[in-house]
Protein backbone atom coordinates (compact mmCIF):
# COMPACT_ATOMS: atom_id res chain seq x y z
CA MET A 1 -5.68 14.52 10.12
CA GLY A 2 -8.94 14.18 11.06
CA MET A 3 -10.52 11.17 13.40
CA VAL A 4 -13.23 8.83 12.51
CA LYS A 5 -15.33 7.30 15.30
CA ALA A 6 -16.17 4.10 14.34
CA SER A 7 -17.69 0.21 15.44
CA ILE A 8 -16.13 -3.19 14.98
CA THR A 9 -17.10 -6.27 16.34
CA ILE A 10 -14.42 -8.88 17.36
CA SER A 11 -14.22 -11.81 20.39
CA ASP A 12 -14.64 -11.73 23.68
CA ASP A 13 -11.27 -13.21 23.88
CA LEU A 14 -9.76 -10.90 21.57
CA TYR A 15 -10.39 -7.77 22.95
CA SER A 16 -9.36 -9.03 26.35
CA GLU A 17 -6.14 -10.12 24.55
CA ALA A 18 -5.98 -6.14 23.37
CA LYS A 19 -7.09 -4.63 27.00
CA ARG A 20 -3.77 -6.44 28.80
CA GLU A 21 -1.79 -5.31 25.38
CA SER A 22 -2.65 -2.01 25.73
CA ALA A 23 -5.02 0.59 27.75
CA ASN A 24 -5.74 2.46 24.94
CA PHE A 25 -7.70 0.22 22.52
CA SER A 26 -8.08 3.01 19.89
CA ALA A 27 -4.44 3.70 19.71
CA LEU A 28 -3.91 0.28 19.21
CA VAL A 29 -6.22 -0.72 16.50
CA SER A 30 -4.87 2.36 14.94
CA ASP A 31 -1.19 1.28 14.99
CA ALA A 32 -2.46 -2.69 14.08
CA LEU A 33 -4.27 -1.18 10.83
CA LYS A 34 -0.69 1.01 10.23
CA GLU A 35 1.15 -2.08 9.96
CA TYR A 36 -1.43 -4.14 8.06
CA PHE A 37 -1.25 -1.58 5.31
CA ARG A 38 2.60 -1.23 5.50
CA MET A 39 3.06 -5.27 5.07
CA ARG A 40 0.28 -5.08 1.83
CA LYS A 41 2.64 -2.69 0.35
CA VAL A 42 5.82 -4.78 0.93
CA LYS A 43 3.80 -7.56 -0.40
CA ARG A 44 3.44 -5.75 -3.45
CA ALA A 45 6.49 -4.71 -3.90
CA LEU A 46 8.32 -7.99 -3.37
CA GLY A 47 5.50 -9.08 -6.19
CA SER A 48 6.77 -6.85 -8.82
CA PHE A 49 10.74 -8.34 -8.66
CA GLY A 50 11.28 -9.05 -11.48
CA ALA A 51 8.09 -8.04 -13.68
CA TRP A 52 10.35 -6.21 -15.83
CA GLU A 53 12.35 -9.44 -17.18
CA GLU A 54 10.08 -10.17 -19.62
CA ARG A 55 10.29 -7.42 -21.64
CA THR A 56 12.36 -7.09 -24.78
CA GLU A 57 13.19 -3.76 -24.52
CA GLY A 58 15.95 -2.45 -22.14
CA SER A 59 14.50 -0.90 -18.69
CA GLN A 60 16.54 2.70 -19.46
CA LYS A 61 14.43 3.03 -23.12
CA ILE A 62 11.46 1.44 -21.05
CA VAL A 63 11.89 4.30 -18.61
CA ASP A 64 12.89 7.05 -21.30
CA ASP A 65 9.61 6.37 -22.96
CA ILE A 66 7.58 7.13 -19.79
CA ARG A 67 9.33 10.07 -19.10
CA ASN A 68 8.88 11.56 -22.69
CA GLY A 69 5.49 10.22 -22.08
CA ARG A 70 5.65 8.53 -25.91
CA GLY A 71 2.63 6.81 -26.65
CA ARG A 72 0.41 8.96 -24.94
CA THR A 73 -2.70 11.17 -26.07
CA HIS A 74 -3.90 12.14 -22.76
CA ALA A 75 -3.35 15.38 -20.45
CA ARG A 76 -1.77 17.41 -23.99
CA ARG A 77 0.86 15.20 -24.33
CA HIS A 78 0.53 14.90 -27.96
CA ARG A 79 4.05 14.12 -29.52
């Protein structure tokens, strides 16, 4: 994994608190961003629960149709 040098602007108070928490500011920011993105994925997943309830077909038929590529005309899937 490559590294990128980036510049950010934050308040003095936030920076001071971050430095008290960790001597490695870059690692702290990286960890915070990883956690932020992880939480966004969790929120998206939680938001999708029940999304299939509105469908009239059973979930097994929907999954079978997706697996068989029915209705698709791209990627050489003419069926």
